[in-house]
PDB file of N, CA and C in Angstrom:
ATOM      1  N   MET A   1      85.780 -62.962 -38.783  1.00  0.00           N
ATOM      2  CA  MET A   1      85.215 -61.705 -38.807  1.00  0.00           C
ATOM      3  C   MET A   1      83.678 -61.766 -38.526  1.00  0.00           C
ATOM      4  N   LEU A   2      83.209 -60.922 -37.816  1.00  0.00           N
ATOM      5  CA  LEU A   2      81.733 -60.924 -37.458  1.00  0.00           C
ATOM      6  C   LEU A   2      81.268 -59.487 -37.746  1.00  0.00           C
ATOM      7  N   ALA A   3      80.332 -59.360 -38.599  1.00  0.00           N
ATOM      8  CA  ALA A   3      79.757 -58.065 -39.019  1.00  0.00           C
ATOM      9  C   ALA A   3      80.858 -56.939 -39.337  1.00  0.00           C
ATOM     10  N   GLY A   4      81.925 -57.494 -40.072  1.00  0.00           N
ATOM     11  CA  GLY A   4      82.915 -56.690 -40.515  1.00  0.00           C
ATOM     12  C   GLY A   4      84.029 -56.191 -39.557  1.00  0.00           C
ATOM     13  N   VAL A   5      83.954 -56.873 -38.300  1.00  0.00           N
ATOM     14  CA  VAL A   5      84.972 -56.485 -37.201  1.00  0.00           C
ATOM     15  C   VAL A   5      85.700 -57.804 -36.822  1.00  0.00           C
ATOM     16  N   THR A   6      86.993 -57.710 -36.791  1.00  0.00           N
ATOM     17  CA  THR A   6      87.780 -58.841 -36.314  1.00  0.00           C
ATOM     18  C   THR A   6      87.591 -58.927 -34.835  1.00  0.00           C
ATOM     19  N   PRO A   7      87.943 -60.131 -34.296  1.00  0.00           N
ATOM     20  CA  PRO A   7      87.847 -60.400 -32.816  1.00  0.00           C
ATOM     21  C   PRO A   7      88.761 -59.363 -32.040  1.00  0.00           C
ATOM     22  N   LYS A   8      89.907 -59.067 -32.680  1.00  0.00           N
ATOM     23  CA  LYS A   8      90.894 -58.153 -32.068  1.00  0.00           C
ATOM     24  C   LYS A   8      90.198 -56.809 -31.928  1.00  0.00           C
ATOM     25  N   GLU A   9      89.493 -56.325 -33.008  1.00  0.00           N
ATOM     26  CA  GLU A   9      88.956 -55.046 -33.009  1.00  0.00           C
ATOM     27  C   GLU A   9      87.749 -54.991 -31.910  1.00  0.00           C
ATOM     28  N   TRP A  10      87.028 -56.083 -31.967  1.00  0.00           N
ATOM     29  CA  TRP A  10      85.892 -56.196 -31.147  1.00  0.00           C
ATOM     30  C   TRP A  10      86.319 -56.086 -29.670  1.00  0.00           C
ATOM     31  N   GLU A  11      87.408 -56.833 -29.382  1.00  0.00           N
ATOM     32  CA  GLU A  11      87.919 -56.796 -27.969  1.00  0.00           C
ATOM     33  C   GLU A  11      88.382 -55.345 -27.641  1.00  0.00           C
ATOM     34  N   ALA A  12      89.104 -54.761 -28.600  1.00  0.00           N
ATOM     35  CA  ALA A  12      89.625 -53.260 -28.380  1.00  0.00           C
ATOM     36  C   ALA A  12      88.503 -52.333 -28.133  1.00  0.00           C
ATOM     37  N   ASP A  13      87.420 -52.420 -28.878  1.00  0.00           N
ATOM     38  CA  ASP A  13      86.203 -51.621 -28.658  1.00  0.00           C
ATOM     39  C   ASP A  13      85.599 -51.802 -27.307  1.00  0.00           C
ATOM     40  N   TYR A  14      85.346 -53.123 -27.049  1.00  0.00           N
ATOM     41  CA  TYR A  14      84.683 -53.517 -25.823  1.00  0.00           C
ATOM     42  C   TYR A  14      85.535 -53.031 -24.603  1.00  0.00           C
ATOM     43  N   ARG A  15      86.843 -53.286 -24.717  1.00  0.00           N
ATOM     44  CA  ARG A  15      87.695 -52.948 -23.619  1.00  0.00           C
ATOM     45  C   ARG A  15      87.796 -51.417 -23.412  1.00  0.00           C
ATOM     46  N   ALA A  16      87.690 -50.614 -24.533  1.00  0.00           N
ATOM     47  CA  ALA A  16      87.645 -49.145 -24.365  1.00  0.00           C
ATOM     48  C   ALA A  16      86.414 -48.684 -23.674  1.00  0.00           C
ATOM     49  N   LEU A  17      85.280 -49.367 -23.889  1.00  0.00           N
ATOM     50  CA  LEU A  17      84.062 -49.051 -23.155  1.00  0.00           C
ATOM     51  C   LEU A  17      84.193 -49.320 -21.766  1.00  0.00           C
ATOM     52  N   LEU A  18      84.737 -50.391 -21.480  1.00  0.00           N
ATOM     53  CA  LEU A  18      84.858 -50.918 -19.989  1.00  0.00           C
ATOM     54  C   LEU A  18      85.850 -49.871 -19.244  1.00  0.00           C
ATOM     55  N   ASP A  19      87.004 -49.562 -19.985  1.00  0.00           N
ATOM     56  CA  ASP A  19      87.993 -48.652 -19.462  1.00  0.00           C
ATOM     57  C   ASP A  19      87.282 -47.262 -19.174  1.00  0.00           C
ATOM     58  N   ALA A  20      86.508 -46.762 -20.137  1.00  0.00           N
ATOM     59  CA  ALA A  20      85.863 -45.414 -19.968  1.00  0.00           C
ATOM     60  C   ALA A  20      84.908 -45.478 -18.808  1.00  0.00           C
ATOM     61  N   SER A  21      84.254 -46.629 -18.697  1.00  0.00           N
ATOM     62  CA  SER A  21      83.113 -46.822 -17.576  1.00  0.00           C
ATOM     63  C   SER A  21      83.864 -46.760 -16.288  1.00  0.00           C
ATOM     64  N   ARG A  22      84.938 -47.492 -16.173  1.00  0.00           N
ATOM     65  CA  ARG A  22      85.726 -47.502 -14.838  1.00  0.00           C
ATOM     66  C   ARG A  22      86.437 -46.167 -14.511  1.00  0.00           C
ATOM     67  N   LYS A  23      86.829 -45.427 -15.581  1.00  0.00           N
ATOM     68  CA  LYS A  23      87.362 -44.115 -15.348  1.00  0.00           C
ATOM     69  C   LYS A  23      86.415 -43.196 -14.815  1.00  0.00           C
ATOM     70  N   ALA A  24      85.173 -43.206 -15.378  1.00  0.00           N
ATOM     71  CA  ALA A  24      84.092 -42.407 -14.934  1.00  0.00           C
ATOM     72  C   ALA A  24      83.564 -42.734 -13.495  1.00  0.00           C
ATOM     73  N   ASN A  25      83.703 -43.990 -13.151  1.00  0.00           N
ATOM     74  CA  ASN A  25      83.279 -44.496 -11.974  1.00  0.00           C
ATOM     75  C   ASN A  25      84.127 -45.575 -11.445  1.00  0.00           C
ATOM     76  N   PRO A  26      85.286 -45.423 -10.735  1.00  0.00           N
ATOM     77  CA  PRO A  26      86.137 -46.441 -10.299  1.00  0.00           C
ATOM     78  C   PRO A  26      85.459 -47.653  -9.508  1.00  0.00           C
ATOM     79  N   GLU A  27      84.379 -47.292  -8.831  1.00  0.00           N
ATOM     80  CA  GLU A  27      83.740 -48.246  -7.930  1.00  0.00           C
ATOM     81  C   GLU A  27      82.587 -48.995  -8.661  1.00  0.00           C
ATOM     82  N   GLN A  28      82.418 -48.732  -9.851  1.00  0.00           N
ATOM     83  CA  GLN A  28      81.429 -49.347 -10.643  1.00  0.00           C
ATOM     84  C   GLN A  28      81.589 -50.830 -10.718  1.00  0.00           C
ATOM     85  N   LYS A  29      80.519 -51.631 -10.378  1.00  0.00           N
ATOM     86  CA  LYS A  29      80.446 -53.073 -10.571  1.00  0.00           C
ATOM     87  C   LYS A  29      80.070 -53.432 -11.997  1.00  0.00           C
ATOM     88  N   LEU A  30      80.769 -54.382 -12.584  1.00  0.00           N
ATOM     89  CA  LEU A  30      80.550 -54.765 -13.912  1.00  0.00           C
ATOM     90  C   LEU A  30      79.990 -56.235 -14.054  1.00  0.00           C
ATOM     91  N   VAL A  31      79.019 -56.416 -14.994  1.00  0.00           N
ATOM     92  CA  VAL A  31      78.591 -57.756 -15.262  1.00  0.00           C
ATOM     93  C   VAL A  31      78.708 -57.908 -16.662  1.00  0.00           C
ATOM     94  N   LEU A  32      79.501 -58.946 -17.153  1.00  0.00           N
ATOM     95  CA  LEU A  32      79.655 -59.145 -18.575  1.00  0.00           C
ATOM     96  C   LEU A  32      79.002 -60.458 -19.008  1.00  0.00           C
ATOM     97  N   LEU A  33      78.151 -60.321 -20.139  1.00  0.00           N
ATOM     98  CA  LEU A  33      77.498 -61.479 -20.652  1.00  0.00           C
ATOM     99  C   LEU A  33      78.079 -61.840 -22.043  1.00  0.00           C
ATOM    100  N   GLU A  34      78.255 -63.139 -22.236  1.00  0.00           N
ATOM    101  CA  GLU A  34      78.824 -63.597 -23.425  1.00  0.00           C
ATOM    102  C   GLU A  34      77.780 -63.514 -24.543  1.00  0.00           C
ATOM    103  N   PRO A  35      78.167 -63.280 -25.876  1.00  0.00           N
ATOM    104  CA  PRO A  35      77.304 -63.367 -26.968  1.00  0.00           C
ATOM    105  C   PRO A  35      76.893 -64.803 -27.156  1.00  0.00           C
ATOM    106  N   PHE A  36      75.893 -65.146 -27.863  1.00  0.00           N
ATOM    107  CA  PHE A  36      75.405 -66.526 -27.918  1.00  0.00           C
ATOM    108  C   PHE A  36      74.688 -66.745 -29.188  1.00  0.00           C
ATOM    109  N   VAL A  37      74.523 -67.992 -29.669  1.00  0.00           N
ATOM    110  CA  VAL A  37      73.763 -68.365 -30.804  1.00  0.00           C
ATOM    111  C   VAL A  37      73.189 -69.719 -30.565  1.00  0.00           C
ATOM    112  N   LEU A  38      72.100 -70.067 -31.223  1.00  0.00           N
ATOM    113  CA  LEU A  38      71.525 -71.404 -31.185  1.00  0.00           C
ATOM    114  C   LEU A  38      71.105 -71.654 -32.526  1.00  0.00           C
ATOM    115  N   PRO A  39      71.081 -72.876 -33.006  1.00  0.00           N
ATOM    116  CA  PRO A  39      70.722 -73.341 -34.421  1.00  0.00           C
ATOM    117  C   PRO A  39      69.264 -73.332 -34.690  1.00  0.00           C
ATOM    118  N   VAL A  40      68.685 -72.108 -34.940  1.00  0.00           N
ATOM    119  CA  VAL A  40      67.329 -71.878 -35.228  1.00  0.00           C
ATOM    120  C   VAL A  40      67.216 -70.549 -36.143  1.00  0.00           C
ATOM    121  N   GLY A  41      66.130 -70.603 -36.798  1.00  0.00           N
ATOM    122  CA  GLY A  41      65.894 -69.508 -37.866  1.00  0.00           C
ATOM    123  C   GLY A  41      66.920 -69.558 -38.850  1.00  0.00           C
ATOM    124  N   PRO A  42      67.540 -68.399 -39.214  1.00  0.00           N
ATOM    125  CA  PRO A  42      68.545 -68.370 -40.180  1.00  0.00           C
ATOM    126  C   PRO A  42      69.721 -69.158 -39.886  1.00  0.00           C
ATOM    127  N   LEU A  43      70.022 -69.500 -38.675  1.00  0.00           N
ATOM    128  CA  LEU A  43      71.129 -70.312 -38.130  1.00  0.00           C
ATOM    129  C   LEU A  43      70.891 -71.703 -38.056  1.00  0.00           C
ATOM    130  N   ALA A  44      69.702 -72.207 -38.478  1.00  0.00           N
ATOM    131  CA  ALA A  44      69.344 -73.631 -38.464  1.00  0.00           C
ATOM    132  C   ALA A  44      70.158 -74.469 -39.375  1.00  0.00           C
ATOM    133  N   ASN A  45      70.634 -73.871 -40.573  1.00  0.00           N
ATOM    134  CA  ASN A  45      71.454 -74.596 -41.465  1.00  0.00           C
ATOM    135  C   ASN A  45      72.757 -74.950 -40.642  1.00  0.00           C
ATOM    136  N   PRO A  46      73.195 -76.254 -40.635  1.00  0.00           N
ATOM    137  CA  PRO A  46      74.230 -76.618 -39.935  1.00  0.00           C
ATOM    138  C   PRO A  46      75.606 -75.886 -40.248  1.00  0.00           C
ATOM    139  N   ASP A  47      75.886 -75.574 -41.525  1.00  0.00           N
ATOM    140  CA  ASP A  47      77.043 -74.936 -41.940  1.00  0.00           C
ATOM    141  C   ASP A  47      77.030 -73.548 -41.415  1.00  0.00           C
ATOM    142  N   THR A  48      75.879 -72.827 -41.578  1.00  0.00           N
ATOM    143  CA  THR A  48      75.648 -71.544 -41.050  1.00  0.00           C
ATOM    144  C   THR A  48      75.925 -71.358 -39.595  1.00  0.00           C
ATOM    145  N   HIS A  49      75.352 -72.307 -38.917  1.00  0.00           N
ATOM    146  CA  HIS A  49      75.444 -72.269 -37.396  1.00  0.00           C
ATOM    147  C   HIS A  49      76.896 -72.577 -37.012  1.00  0.00           C
ATOM    148  N   LYS A  50      77.556 -73.527 -37.594  1.00  0.00           N
ATOM    149  CA  LYS A  50      78.845 -73.747 -37.283  1.00  0.00           C
ATOM    150  C   LYS A  50      79.805 -72.485 -37.510  1.00  0.00           C
ATOM    151  N   ASN A  51      79.646 -71.886 -38.642  1.00  0.00           N
ATOM    152  CA  ASN A  51      80.401 -70.664 -38.882  1.00  0.00           C
ATOM    153  C   ASN A  51      80.120 -69.648 -37.764  1.00  0.00           C
ATOM    154  N   TRP A  52      78.926 -69.296 -37.475  1.00  0.00           N
ATOM    155  CA  TRP A  52      78.497 -68.336 -36.420  1.00  0.00           C
ATOM    156  C   TRP A  52      79.168 -68.808 -35.107  1.00  0.00           C
ATOM    157  N   ARG A  53      78.916 -70.071 -34.706  1.00  0.00           N
ATOM    158  CA  ARG A  53      79.340 -70.547 -33.456  1.00  0.00           C
ATOM    159  C   ARG A  53      80.857 -70.457 -33.232  1.00  0.00           C
ATOM    160  N   GLY A  54      81.623 -70.666 -34.378  1.00  0.00           N
ATOM    161  CA  GLY A  54      83.134 -70.533 -34.281  1.00  0.00           C
ATOM    162  C   GLY A  54      83.483 -69.079 -33.916  1.00  0.00           C
ATOM    163  N   LYS A  55      82.790 -68.161 -34.525  1.00  0.00           N
ATOM    164  CA  LYS A  55      83.056 -66.640 -34.185  1.00  0.00           C
ATOM    165  C   LYS A  55      82.637 -66.443 -32.734  1.00  0.00           C
ATOM    166  N   ILE A  56      81.438 -66.867 -32.408  1.00  0.00           N
ATOM    167  CA  ILE A  56      80.915 -66.699 -30.969  1.00  0.00           C
ATOM    168  C   ILE A  56      81.924 -67.322 -29.902  1.00  0.00           C
ATOM    169  N   ASP A  57      82.346 -68.451 -30.269  1.00  0.00           N
ATOM    170  CA  ASP A  57      83.340 -69.032 -29.295  1.00  0.00           C
ATOM    171  C   ASP A  57      84.731 -68.227 -29.130  1.00  0.00           C
ATOM    172  N   LEU A  58      85.108 -67.551 -30.142  1.00  0.00           N
ATOM    173  CA  LEU A  58      86.197 -66.670 -30.042  1.00  0.00           C
ATOM    174  C   LEU A  58      85.845 -65.429 -29.096  1.00  0.00           C
ATOM    175  N   MET A  59      84.614 -64.874 -29.299  1.00  0.00           N
ATOM    176  CA  MET A  59      84.135 -63.797 -28.580  1.00  0.00           C
ATOM    177  C   MET A  59      83.946 -64.172 -27.136  1.00  0.00           C
ATOM    178  N   THR A  60      83.428 -65.382 -26.877  1.00  0.00           N
ATOM    179  CA  THR A  60      83.273 -65.793 -25.550  1.00  0.00           C
ATOM    180  C   THR A  60      84.644 -65.902 -24.704  1.00  0.00           C
ATOM    181  N   ALA A  61      85.642 -66.308 -25.306  1.00  0.00           N
ATOM    182  CA  ALA A  61      86.961 -66.282 -24.690  1.00  0.00           C
ATOM    183  C   ALA A  61      87.356 -64.960 -24.404  1.00  0.00           C
ATOM    184  N   ILE A  62      87.074 -63.932 -25.249  1.00  0.00           N
ATOM    185  CA  ILE A  62      87.432 -62.527 -24.940  1.00  0.00           C
ATOM    186  C   ILE A  62      86.612 -62.055 -23.793  1.00  0.00           C
ATOM    187  N   VAL A  63      85.359 -62.232 -23.704  1.00  0.00           N
ATOM    188  CA  VAL A  63      84.574 -61.920 -22.563  1.00  0.00           C
ATOM    189  C   VAL A  63      85.111 -62.560 -21.290  1.00  0.00           C
ATOM    190  N   ALA A  64      85.485 -63.875 -21.234  1.00  0.00           N
ATOM    191  CA  ALA A  64      86.110 -64.380 -20.052  1.00  0.00           C
ATOM    192  C   ALA A  64      87.341 -63.775 -19.663  1.00  0.00           C
ATOM    193  N   ARG A  65      88.128 -63.433 -20.571  1.00  0.00           N
ATOM    194  CA  ARG A  65      89.353 -62.693 -20.189  1.00  0.00           C
ATOM    195  C   ARG A  65      89.136 -61.321 -19.642  1.00  0.00           C
ATOM    196  N   MET A  66      88.228 -60.601 -20.252  1.00  0.00           N
ATOM    197  CA  MET A  66      87.936 -59.230 -19.860  1.00  0.00           C
ATOM    198  C   MET A  66      87.214 -59.306 -18.460  1.00  0.00           C
ATOM    199  N   ALA A  67      86.366 -60.372 -18.266  1.00  0.00           N
ATOM    200  CA  ALA A  67      85.678 -60.469 -16.933  1.00  0.00           C
ATOM    201  C   ALA A  67      86.877 -60.475 -15.787  1.00  0.00           C
ATOM    202  N   LYS A  68      87.921 -61.343 -16.192  1.00  0.00           N
ATOM    203  CA  LYS A  68      89.008 -61.471 -15.129  1.00  0.00           C
ATOM    204  C   LYS A  68      89.716 -60.146 -15.077  1.00  0.00           C
ATOM    205  N   ASP A  69      90.051 -59.521 -16.170  1.00  0.00           N
ATOM    206  CA  ASP A  69      90.791 -58.253 -16.136  1.00  0.00           C
ATOM    207  C   ASP A  69      90.039 -57.111 -15.386  1.00  0.00           C
ATOM    208  N   PHE A  70      88.785 -57.125 -15.362  1.00  0.00           N
ATOM    209  CA  PHE A  70      87.899 -56.035 -14.837  1.00  0.00           C
ATOM    210  C   PHE A  70      87.333 -56.532 -13.556  1.00  0.00           C
ATOM    211  N   ASN A  71      87.643 -57.681 -13.018  1.00  0.00           N
ATOM    212  CA  ASN A  71      87.049 -58.283 -11.880  1.00  0.00           C
ATOM    213  C   ASN A  71      85.514 -58.226 -11.974  1.00  0.00           C
ATOM    214  N   ALA A  72      84.941 -58.531 -13.041  1.00  0.00           N
ATOM    215  CA  ALA A  72      83.444 -58.400 -13.320  1.00  0.00           C
ATOM    216  C   ALA A  72      82.826 -59.831 -13.164  1.00  0.00           C
ATOM    217  N   VAL A  73      81.579 -59.818 -12.877  1.00  0.00           N
ATOM    218  CA  VAL A  73      80.695 -61.001 -12.843  1.00  0.00           C
ATOM    219  C   VAL A  73      80.676 -61.471 -14.355  1.00  0.00           C
ATOM    220  N   HIS A  74      80.965 -62.767 -14.595  1.00  0.00           N
ATOM    221  CA  HIS A  74      80.848 -63.293 -15.898  1.00  0.00           C
ATOM    222  C   HIS A  74      79.748 -64.150 -16.127  1.00  0.00           C
ATOM    223  N   ILE A  75      78.811 -63.910 -16.989  1.00  0.00           N
ATOM    224  CA  ILE A  75      77.608 -64.676 -17.264  1.00  0.00           C
ATOM    225  C   ILE A  75      77.890 -65.506 -18.424  1.00  0.00           C
ATOM    226  N   LYS A  76      78.023 -66.823 -18.249  1.00  0.00           N
ATOM    227  CA  LYS A  76      78.412 -67.669 -19.408  1.00  0.00           C
ATOM    228  C   LYS A  76      77.110 -68.084 -20.243  1.00  0.00           C
ATOM    229  N   THR A  77      76.656 -67.065 -20.945  1.00  0.00           N
ATOM    230  CA  THR A  77      75.318 -67.172 -21.619  1.00  0.00           C
ATOM    231  C   THR A  77      75.360 -68.259 -22.656  1.00  0.00           C
ATOM    232  N   GLN A  78      76.380 -68.339 -23.422  1.00  0.00           N
ATOM    233  CA  GLN A  78      76.386 -69.517 -24.405  1.00  0.00           C
ATOM    234  C   GLN A  78      76.212 -70.936 -23.789  1.00  0.00           C
ATOM    235  N   SER A  79      76.846 -71.065 -22.632  1.00  0.00           N
ATOM    236  CA  SER A  79      76.730 -72.422 -21.969  1.00  0.00           C
ATOM    237  C   SER A  79      75.321 -72.482 -21.416  1.00  0.00           C
ATOM    238  N   ILE A  80      74.842 -71.430 -20.950  1.00  0.00           N
ATOM    239  CA  ILE A  80      73.451 -71.542 -20.357  1.00  0.00           C
ATOM    240  C   ILE A  80      72.328 -71.892 -21.468  1.00  0.00           C
ATOM    241  N   PHE A  81      72.496 -71.259 -22.615  1.00  0.00           N
ATOM    242  CA  PHE A  81      71.602 -71.564 -23.697  1.00  0.00           C
ATOM    243  C   PHE A  81      71.857 -72.977 -24.334  1.00  0.00           C
ATOM    244  N   ASP A  82      73.118 -73.386 -24.406  1.00  0.00           N
ATOM    245  CA  ASP A  82      73.343 -74.707 -24.768  1.00  0.00           C
ATOM    246  C   ASP A  82      72.723 -75.742 -23.915  1.00  0.00           C
ATOM    247  N   SER A  83      72.817 -75.529 -22.586  1.00  0.00           N
ATOM    248  CA  SER A  83      72.121 -76.465 -21.636  1.00  0.00           C
ATOM    249  C   SER A  83      70.630 -76.460 -21.744  1.00  0.00           C
ATOM    250  N   ALA A  84      70.072 -75.183 -21.838  1.00  0.00           N
ATOM    251  CA  ALA A  84      68.670 -75.112 -21.975  1.00  0.00           C
ATOM    252  C   ALA A  84      68.080 -75.678 -23.219  1.00  0.00           C
ATOM    253  N   ALA A  85      68.880 -75.627 -24.356  1.00  0.00           N
ATOM    254  CA  ALA A  85      68.451 -76.197 -25.641  1.00  0.00           C
ATOM    255  C   ALA A  85      68.570 -77.724 -25.616  1.00  0.00           C
ATOM    256  N   LYS A  86      69.130 -78.321 -24.585  1.00  0.00           N
ATOM    257  CA  LYS A  86      69.035 -79.845 -24.414  1.00  0.00           C
ATOM    258  C   LYS A  86      67.662 -80.193 -23.670  1.00  0.00           C
ATOM    259  N   ALA A  87      67.129 -79.297 -22.962  1.00  0.00           N
ATOM    260  CA  ALA A  87      65.935 -79.639 -22.257  1.00  0.00           C
ATOM    261  C   ALA A  87      64.724 -79.284 -23.116  1.00  0.00           C
ATOM    262  N   SER A  88      64.789 -78.160 -23.929  1.00  0.00           N
ATOM    263  CA  SER A  88      63.655 -77.693 -24.779  1.00  0.00           C
ATOM    264  C   SER A  88      64.407 -77.328 -26.091  1.00  0.00           C
ATOM    265  N   PRO A  89      63.663 -77.507 -27.257  1.00  0.00           N
ATOM    266  CA  PRO A  89      64.316 -77.046 -28.433  1.00  0.00           C
ATOM    267  C   PRO A  89      64.765 -75.693 -28.541  1.00  0.00           C
ATOM    268  N   PRO A  90      65.821 -75.343 -29.376  1.00  0.00           N
ATOM    269  CA  PRO A  90      66.385 -74.001 -29.364  1.00  0.00           C
ATOM    270  C   PRO A  90      65.288 -72.935 -29.748  1.00  0.00           C
ATOM    271  N   ASN A  91      64.300 -73.333 -30.557  1.00  0.00           N
ATOM    272  CA  ASN A  91      63.286 -72.344 -30.946  1.00  0.00           C
ATOM    273  C   ASN A  91      62.306 -71.959 -29.788  1.00  0.00           C
ATOM    274  N   HIS A  92      62.521 -72.700 -28.719  1.00  0.00           N
ATOM    275  CA  HIS A  92      61.762 -72.348 -27.450  1.00  0.00           C
ATOM    276  C   HIS A  92      62.329 -71.067 -26.825  1.00  0.00           C
ATOM    277  N   TRP A  93      63.665 -70.925 -27.004  1.00  0.00           N
ATOM    278  CA  TRP A  93      64.487 -69.899 -26.391  1.00  0.00           C
ATOM    279  C   TRP A  93      64.781 -68.636 -27.173  1.00  0.00           C
ATOM    280  N   ILE A  94      64.999 -68.988 -28.559  1.00  0.00           N
ATOM    281  CA  ILE A  94      65.430 -67.882 -29.318  1.00  0.00           C
ATOM    282  C   ILE A  94      64.766 -68.120 -30.737  1.00  0.00           C
ATOM    283  N   TRP A  95      64.366 -66.976 -31.251  1.00  0.00           N
ATOM    284  CA  TRP A  95      63.528 -67.076 -32.521  1.00  0.00           C
ATOM    285  C   TRP A  95      64.350 -67.046 -33.794  1.00  0.00           C
ATOM    286  N   ASP A  96      65.528 -66.464 -33.789  1.00  0.00           N
ATOM    287  CA  ASP A  96      66.198 -66.328 -35.047  1.00  0.00           C
ATOM    288  C   ASP A  96      67.702 -66.682 -34.917  1.00  0.00           C
ATOM    289  N   GLY A  97      68.078 -67.302 -33.934  1.00  0.00           N
ATOM    290  CA  GLY A  97      69.468 -67.821 -33.684  1.00  0.00           C
ATOM    291  C   GLY A  97      70.173 -66.868 -32.726  1.00  0.00           C
ATOM    292  N   VAL A  98      69.783 -65.647 -32.571  1.00  0.00           N
ATOM    293  CA  VAL A  98      70.660 -64.769 -31.802  1.00  0.00           C
ATOM    294  C   VAL A  98      69.754 -63.775 -30.791  1.00  0.00           C
ATOM    295  N   HIS A  99      68.477 -63.659 -31.052  1.00  0.00           N
ATOM    296  CA  HIS A  99      67.669 -62.798 -30.306  1.00  0.00           C
ATOM    297  C   HIS A  99      66.609 -63.700 -29.462  1.00  0.00           C
ATOM    298  N   PRO A 100      66.659 -63.550 -28.120  1.00  0.00           N
ATOM    299  CA  PRO A 100      65.820 -64.399 -27.267  1.00  0.00           C
ATOM    300  C   PRO A 100      64.288 -64.024 -27.363  1.00  0.00           C
ATOM    301  N   LEU A 101      63.557 -64.980 -27.087  1.00  0.00           N
ATOM    302  CA  LEU A 101      62.090 -64.911 -26.929  1.00  0.00           C
ATOM    303  C   LEU A 101      62.026 -64.563 -25.431  1.00  0.00           C
ATOM    304  N   PRO A 102      60.750 -64.260 -24.962  1.00  0.00           N
ATOM    305  CA  PRO A 102      60.566 -63.788 -23.528  1.00  0.00           C
ATOM    306  C   PRO A 102      61.113 -64.974 -22.695  1.00  0.00           C
ATOM    307  N   GLN A 103      60.958 -66.183 -22.863  1.00  0.00           N
ATOM    308  CA  GLN A 103      61.448 -67.216 -22.049  1.00  0.00           C
ATOM    309  C   GLN A 103      62.991 -67.242 -22.020  1.00  0.00           C
ATOM    310  N   GLY A 104      63.608 -66.837 -23.141  1.00  0.00           N
ATOM    311  CA  GLY A 104      65.057 -66.784 -23.261  1.00  0.00           C
ATOM    312  C   GLY A 104      65.555 -65.529 -22.474  1.00  0.00           C
ATOM    313  N   HIS A 105      64.789 -64.435 -22.427  1.00  0.00           N
ATOM    314  CA  HIS A 105      65.243 -63.313 -21.530  1.00  0.00           C
ATOM    315  C   HIS A 105      65.057 -63.656 -20.094  1.00  0.00           C
ATOM    316  N   GLU A 106      64.092 -64.520 -19.769  1.00  0.00           N
ATOM    317  CA  GLU A 106      63.776 -64.814 -18.364  1.00  0.00           C
ATOM    318  C   GLU A 106      65.012 -65.699 -17.983  1.00  0.00           C
ATOM    319  N   LEU A 107      65.559 -66.623 -18.826  1.00  0.00           N
ATOM    320  CA  LEU A 107      66.611 -67.612 -18.590  1.00  0.00           C
ATOM    321  C   LEU A 107      67.839 -66.598 -18.273  1.00  0.00           C
ATOM    322  N   ILE A 108      68.086 -65.679 -19.020  1.00  0.00           N
ATOM    323  CA  ILE A 108      69.251 -64.732 -18.786  1.00  0.00           C
ATOM    324  C   ILE A 108      69.067 -64.058 -17.498  1.00  0.00           C
ATOM    325  N   ALA A 109      67.912 -63.524 -17.266  1.00  0.00           N
ATOM    326  CA  ALA A 109      67.666 -62.798 -16.055  1.00  0.00           C
ATOM    327  C   ALA A 109      67.861 -63.663 -14.813  1.00  0.00           C
ATOM    328  N   ARG A 110      67.446 -64.779 -14.842  1.00  0.00           N
ATOM    329  CA  ARG A 110      67.507 -65.777 -13.732  1.00  0.00           C
ATOM    330  C   ARG A 110      68.993 -66.055 -13.416  1.00  0.00           C
ATOM    331  N   ASN A 111      69.745 -66.284 -14.389  1.00  0.00           N
ATOM    332  CA  ASN A 111      71.154 -66.596 -14.225  1.00  0.00           C
ATOM    333  C   ASN A 111      71.968 -65.294 -13.865  1.00  0.00           C
ATOM    334  N   TRP A 112      71.545 -64.099 -14.429  1.00  0.00           N
ATOM    335  CA  TRP A 112      72.184 -62.894 -14.031  1.00  0.00           C
ATOM    336  C   TRP A 112      71.915 -62.662 -12.472  1.00  0.00           C
ATOM    337  N   ILE A 113      70.772 -62.768 -11.977  1.00  0.00           N
ATOM    338  CA  ILE A 113      70.430 -62.585 -10.568  1.00  0.00           C
ATOM    339  C   ILE A 113      71.210 -63.536  -9.714  1.00  0.00           C
ATOM    340  N   GLU A 114      71.292 -64.772 -10.143  1.00  0.00           N
ATOM    341  CA  GLU A 114      72.070 -65.850  -9.315  1.00  0.00           C
ATOM    342  C   GLU A 114      73.467 -65.419  -9.242  1.00  0.00           C
ATOM    343  N   ALA A 115      74.066 -65.149 -10.329  1.00  0.00           N
ATOM    344  CA  ALA A 115      75.526 -64.745 -10.419  1.00  0.00           C
ATOM    345  C   ALA A 115      75.802 -63.457  -9.649  1.00  0.00           C
ATOM    346  N   VAL A 116      74.853 -62.489  -9.709  1.00  0.00           N
ATOM    347  CA  VAL A 116      75.167 -61.195  -9.079  1.00  0.00           C
ATOM    348  C   VAL A 116      75.046 -61.356  -7.559  1.00  0.00           C
ATOM    349  N   SER A 117      74.004 -62.023  -7.149  1.00  0.00           N
ATOM    350  CA  SER A 117      73.564 -62.238  -5.798  1.00  0.00           C
ATOM    351  C   SER A 117      74.721 -62.980  -5.040  1.00  0.00           C
ATOM    352  N   THR A 118      75.448 -63.958  -5.641  1.00  0.00           N
ATOM    353  CA  THR A 118      76.424 -64.724  -5.052  1.00  0.00           C
ATOM    354  C   THR A 118      77.833 -64.024  -4.997  1.00  0.00           C
ATOM    355  N   ARG A 119      77.915 -62.936  -5.705  1.00  0.00           N
ATOM    356  CA  ARG A 119      79.166 -62.241  -5.801  1.00  0.00           C
ATOM    357  C   ARG A 119      79.135 -61.187  -4.604  1.00  0.00           C
TER     358      ARG A 119
END
C-alpha cells in the first residue's frame, strides 16, 4: 500500500483518468511516466528505500500495462534514474528520494523528448 491506496486502487483511478481523457478527445496522444525513487534523503535508509522501491516496482508494471492498453508512449523513468545514479550519486538527481532537482527534471525532459519524437 502506498499513501493509503492499494496498487489495484491506484490502477483503477489512473485508468479512469485515462479513459475520461480518451472519451473527451479520442485522438489525444498519451505519454505515461513511471513513478520513481532513489535512495536519498528520507529514503537513504536501506530498509526504507527497499520498502518504497518494492511499491514503485508494482506501480511501474501497472504503468507499462496501461501504456500498452492505451497505445501511449511509455517513459521508463525508474530505469532512467537508476542508470543516471550509476554515473552520478542519487542526490545529484533527486533531493528527497522522490522529487527531482533541476538536473533530474532535465533528465526526464530529455528522455520525454526523445521518446515522443521517435513515436
